[in-house]
Amino acid sequence: MDLDQINKPDRAHLKPAHVDHVARALISLTREVCVLTDRVAVLEQVLDDKGINVSQAVESHQPNEAQTAQIKERTQRTINAVTSALYDT
């Protein structure tokens, strides 16, 4: 499933039988978001303790074409993993 299909679905994605899969995917994603949020906060603090304030630089960063392509690829892999979990494929 690609980004366009996720953002503009042409059909209902879930059926009642998918509720357990949705719950597992939601819990998994929530766990991952918490871990990543904690790691970013720790990384920013460690760098700040060393006199390197990266928070503003990260907020204002504009990715180049190569970075944008990498971001799109990682996003697609994540979407594929989540939709696989939802549909148990």
N, C-alpha and C. Protein backbone atom coordinates (compact mmCIF):
# COMPACT_ATOMS: atom_id res chain seq x y z
N MET A 1 0.85 -1.17 0.00
CA MET A 1 0.00 0.00 0.00
C MET A 1 0.89 1.23 0.00
N ASP A 2 0.63 2.20 -0.89
CA ASP A 2 1.50 3.36 -0.95
C ASP A 2 0.87 4.57 -0.24
N LEU A 3 1.64 5.64 -0.13
CA LEU A 3 1.19 6.83 0.59
C LEU A 3 -0.11 7.40 0.04
N ASP A 4 -0.25 7.41 -1.27
CA ASP A 4 -1.47 7.96 -1.87
C ASP A 4 -2.70 7.17 -1.46
N GLN A 5 -2.56 5.85 -1.38
CA GLN A 5 -3.70 5.02 -0.98
C GLN A 5 -4.05 5.25 0.49
N ILE A 6 -3.04 5.46 1.33
CA ILE A 6 -3.30 5.70 2.75
C ILE A 6 -3.97 7.06 2.93
N ASN A 7 -3.48 8.07 2.24
CA ASN A 7 -3.98 9.43 2.41
C ASN A 7 -5.33 9.65 1.74
N LYS A 8 -5.63 8.88 0.68
CA LYS A 8 -6.89 9.04 -0.04
C LYS A 8 -7.47 7.66 -0.36
N PRO A 9 -7.91 6.96 0.68
CA PRO A 9 -8.40 5.61 0.42
C PRO A 9 -9.65 5.61 -0.45
N ASP A 10 -9.73 4.60 -1.31
CA ASP A 10 -10.91 4.48 -2.16
C ASP A 10 -11.87 3.42 -1.63
N ARG A 11 -11.56 2.92 -0.43
CA ARG A 11 -12.43 1.92 0.19
C ARG A 11 -12.22 1.96 1.70
N ALA A 12 -13.12 1.33 2.41
CA ALA A 12 -12.93 1.20 3.85
C ALA A 12 -11.77 0.26 4.10
N HIS A 13 -10.87 0.62 4.98
CA HIS A 13 -9.68 -0.19 5.21
C HIS A 13 -9.92 -1.35 6.18
N LEU A 14 -10.81 -1.16 7.11
CA LEU A 14 -10.94 -2.15 8.17
C LEU A 14 -12.32 -2.78 8.21
N LYS A 15 -12.32 -4.02 8.60
CA LYS A 15 -13.55 -4.76 8.82
C LYS A 15 -13.60 -5.12 10.30
N PRO A 16 -14.76 -5.47 10.83
CA PRO A 16 -14.85 -5.81 12.25
C PRO A 16 -13.83 -6.87 12.69
N ALA A 17 -13.50 -7.78 11.80
CA ALA A 17 -12.55 -8.84 12.13
C ALA A 17 -11.14 -8.31 12.37
N HIS A 18 -10.89 -7.07 11.97
CA HIS A 18 -9.56 -6.49 12.11
C HIS A 18 -9.33 -5.77 13.44
N VAL A 19 -10.31 -5.72 14.32
CA VAL A 19 -10.20 -4.94 15.55
C VAL A 19 -9.00 -5.38 16.39
N ASP A 20 -8.78 -6.68 16.55
CA ASP A 20 -7.63 -7.14 17.33
C ASP A 20 -6.32 -6.73 16.68
N HIS A 21 -6.26 -6.78 15.37
CA HIS A 21 -5.04 -6.36 14.66
C HIS A 21 -4.79 -4.86 14.86
N VAL A 22 -5.87 -4.08 14.83
CA VAL A 22 -5.74 -2.64 15.04
C VAL A 22 -5.21 -2.36 16.45
N ALA A 23 -5.75 -3.05 17.41
CA ALA A 23 -5.30 -2.86 18.80
C ALA A 23 -3.82 -3.20 18.94
N ARG A 24 -3.39 -4.32 18.36
CA ARG A 24 -1.96 -4.70 18.43
C ARG A 24 -1.09 -3.66 17.73
N ALA A 25 -1.52 -3.20 16.58
CA ALA A 25 -0.74 -2.21 15.84
C ALA A 25 -0.67 -0.89 16.61
N LEU A 26 -1.77 -0.48 17.20
CA LEU A 26 -1.80 0.76 17.96
C LEU A 26 -0.88 0.69 19.17
N ILE A 27 -0.92 -0.40 19.88
CA ILE A 27 -0.05 -0.58 21.05
C ILE A 27 1.41 -0.60 20.61
N SER A 28 1.71 -1.30 19.55
CA SER A 28 3.07 -1.37 19.04
C SER A 28 3.57 0.01 18.62
N LEU A 29 2.77 0.75 17.90
CA LEU A 29 3.15 2.08 17.47
C LEU A 29 3.33 3.03 18.65
N THR A 30 2.44 2.94 19.62
CA THR A 30 2.53 3.78 20.81
C THR A 30 3.83 3.51 21.55
N ARG A 31 4.17 2.23 21.70
CA ARG A 31 5.43 1.86 22.36
C ARG A 31 6.62 2.43 21.61
N GLU A 32 6.60 2.29 20.31
CA GLU A 32 7.71 2.78 19.48
C GLU A 32 7.83 4.30 19.56
N VAL A 33 6.72 5.00 19.51
CA VAL A 33 6.74 6.46 19.61
C VAL A 33 7.32 6.88 20.96
N CYS A 34 6.93 6.21 22.03
CA CYS A 34 7.47 6.53 23.36
C CYS A 34 8.97 6.31 23.42
N VAL A 35 9.44 5.18 22.91
CA VAL A 35 10.88 4.89 22.90
C VAL A 35 11.63 5.94 22.09
N LEU A 36 11.14 6.26 20.91
CA LEU A 36 11.82 7.24 20.06
C LEU A 36 11.80 8.63 20.68
N THR A 37 10.68 9.02 21.28
CA THR A 37 10.59 10.31 21.94
C THR A 37 11.58 10.41 23.09
N ASP A 38 11.66 9.36 23.89
CA ASP A 38 12.62 9.34 25.00
C ASP A 38 14.05 9.41 24.50
N ARG A 39 14.36 8.66 23.46
CA ARG A 39 15.73 8.66 22.93
C ARG A 39 16.12 10.02 22.36
N VAL A 40 15.21 10.67 21.67
CA VAL A 40 15.50 11.99 21.12
C VAL A 40 15.72 12.99 22.27
N ALA A 41 14.89 12.93 23.29
CA ALA A 41 15.05 13.84 24.44
C ALA A 41 16.39 13.61 25.13
N VAL A 42 16.77 12.35 25.31
CA VAL A 42 18.06 12.03 25.93
C VAL A 42 19.20 12.52 25.05
N LEU A 43 19.12 12.26 23.76
CA LEU A 43 20.16 12.69 22.84
C LEU A 43 20.32 14.22 22.86
N GLU A 44 19.20 14.94 22.81
CA GLU A 44 19.27 16.39 22.86
C GLU A 44 19.89 16.87 24.17
N GLN A 45 19.55 16.22 25.29
CA GLN A 45 20.10 16.61 26.58
C GLN A 45 21.60 16.33 26.66
N VAL A 46 22.02 15.16 26.18
CA VAL A 46 23.45 14.82 26.18
C VAL A 46 24.23 15.84 25.34
N LEU A 47 23.72 16.16 24.18
CA LEU A 47 24.39 17.15 23.33
C LEU A 47 24.39 18.53 24.00
N ASP A 48 23.27 18.90 24.60
CA ASP A 48 23.18 20.19 25.29
C ASP A 48 24.18 20.25 26.44
N ASP A 49 24.32 19.15 27.18
CA ASP A 49 25.29 19.08 28.28
C ASP A 49 26.72 19.28 27.78
N LYS A 50 26.96 18.96 26.52
CA LYS A 50 28.29 19.13 25.92
C LYS A 50 28.40 20.46 25.17
N GLY A 51 27.39 21.32 25.35
CA GLY A 51 27.42 22.64 24.74
C GLY A 51 26.92 22.70 23.31
N ILE A 52 26.25 21.65 22.87
CA ILE A 52 25.74 21.60 21.50
C ILE A 52 24.21 21.59 21.56
N ASN A 53 23.60 22.72 21.22
CA ASN A 53 22.14 22.81 21.25
C ASN A 53 21.62 22.50 19.85
N VAL A 54 21.03 21.32 19.68
CA VAL A 54 20.57 20.89 18.36
C VAL A 54 19.07 21.06 18.15
N SER A 55 18.34 21.34 19.21
CA SER A 55 16.87 21.42 19.10
C SER A 55 16.43 22.39 18.02
N GLN A 56 16.97 23.60 18.04
CA GLN A 56 16.59 24.62 17.05
C GLN A 56 17.03 24.21 15.64
N ALA A 57 18.24 23.65 15.54
CA ALA A 57 18.74 23.24 14.23
C ALA A 57 17.86 22.15 13.62
N VAL A 58 17.41 21.22 14.44
CA VAL A 58 16.55 20.15 13.95
C VAL A 58 15.21 20.72 13.50
N GLU A 59 14.66 21.64 14.29
CA GLU A 59 13.36 22.24 13.96
C GLU A 59 13.40 23.00 12.63
N SER A 60 14.52 23.67 12.35
CA SER A 60 14.60 24.51 11.15
C SER A 60 15.24 23.81 9.95
N HIS A 61 15.67 22.57 10.12
CA HIS A 61 16.35 21.84 9.04
C HIS A 61 15.42 21.61 7.85
N GLN A 62 15.95 21.86 6.65
CA GLN A 62 15.24 21.58 5.41
C GLN A 62 16.00 20.47 4.67
N PRO A 63 15.41 19.29 4.55
CA PRO A 63 16.13 18.19 3.91
C PRO A 63 16.36 18.45 2.42
N ASN A 64 17.51 17.94 1.93
CA ASN A 64 17.78 18.03 0.50
C ASN A 64 17.05 16.90 -0.23
N GLU A 65 17.24 16.79 -1.53
CA GLU A 65 16.51 15.78 -2.32
C GLU A 65 16.82 14.36 -1.85
N ALA A 66 18.10 14.08 -1.58
CA ALA A 66 18.48 12.72 -1.15
C ALA A 66 17.85 12.39 0.20
N GLN A 67 17.89 13.35 1.12
CA GLN A 67 17.28 13.11 2.43
C GLN A 67 15.77 12.94 2.30
N THR A 68 15.17 13.74 1.45
CA THR A 68 13.72 13.63 1.23
C THR A 68 13.37 12.24 0.69
N ALA A 69 14.17 11.73 -0.22
CA ALA A 69 13.94 10.38 -0.76
C ALA A 69 14.09 9.33 0.32
N GLN A 70 15.11 9.48 1.17
CA GLN A 70 15.30 8.53 2.27
C GLN A 70 14.14 8.58 3.25
N ILE A 71 13.68 9.78 3.56
CA ILE A 71 12.54 9.94 4.47
C ILE A 71 11.30 9.26 3.87
N LYS A 72 11.07 9.49 2.58
CA LYS A 72 9.91 8.88 1.92
C LYS A 72 10.01 7.35 1.95
N GLU A 73 11.21 6.82 1.72
CA GLU A 73 11.42 5.37 1.74
C GLU A 73 11.17 4.79 3.13
N ARG A 74 11.70 5.44 4.16
CA ARG A 74 11.49 4.96 5.54
C ARG A 74 10.01 5.04 5.91
N THR A 75 9.37 6.12 5.48
CA THR A 75 7.93 6.28 5.76
C THR A 75 7.15 5.15 5.11
N GLN A 76 7.47 4.83 3.86
CA GLN A 76 6.77 3.76 3.15
C GLN A 76 6.99 2.41 3.85
N ARG A 77 8.22 2.14 4.30
CA ARG A 77 8.48 0.88 5.03
C ARG A 77 7.65 0.81 6.30
N THR A 78 7.54 1.93 7.01
CA THR A 78 6.74 1.95 8.24
C THR A 78 5.27 1.72 7.92
N ILE A 79 4.77 2.38 6.90
CA ILE A 79 3.37 2.18 6.50
C ILE A 79 3.14 0.72 6.13
N ASN A 80 4.06 0.13 5.38
CA ASN A 80 3.92 -1.27 4.99
C ASN A 80 3.90 -2.18 6.21
N ALA A 81 4.77 -1.90 7.18
CA ALA A 81 4.80 -2.73 8.39
C ALA A 81 3.50 -2.62 9.17
N VAL A 82 2.99 -1.41 9.28
CA VAL A 82 1.75 -1.19 10.03
C VAL A 82 0.57 -1.82 9.31
N THR A 83 0.47 -1.61 8.00
CA THR A 83 -0.67 -2.20 7.28
C THR A 83 -0.58 -3.72 7.25
N SER A 84 0.62 -4.26 7.24
CA SER A 84 0.78 -5.72 7.32
C SER A 84 0.24 -6.23 8.65
N ALA A 85 0.56 -5.51 9.72
CA ALA A 85 0.05 -5.90 11.04
C ALA A 85 -1.47 -5.79 11.09
N LEU A 86 -2.01 -4.75 10.47
CA LEU A 86 -3.47 -4.57 10.49
C LEU A 86 -4.19 -5.69 9.77
N TYR A 87 -3.61 -6.11 8.66
CA TYR A 87 -4.27 -7.13 7.85
C TYR A 87 -3.71 -8.51 8.10
N ASP A 88 -2.76 -8.60 9.06
CA ASP A 88 -2.15 -9.87 9.46
C ASP A 88 -1.64 -10.63 8.24
N THR A 89 -0.85 -9.91 7.40
CA THR A 89 -0.32 -10.54 6.20
C THR A 89 1.16 -10.80 6.36
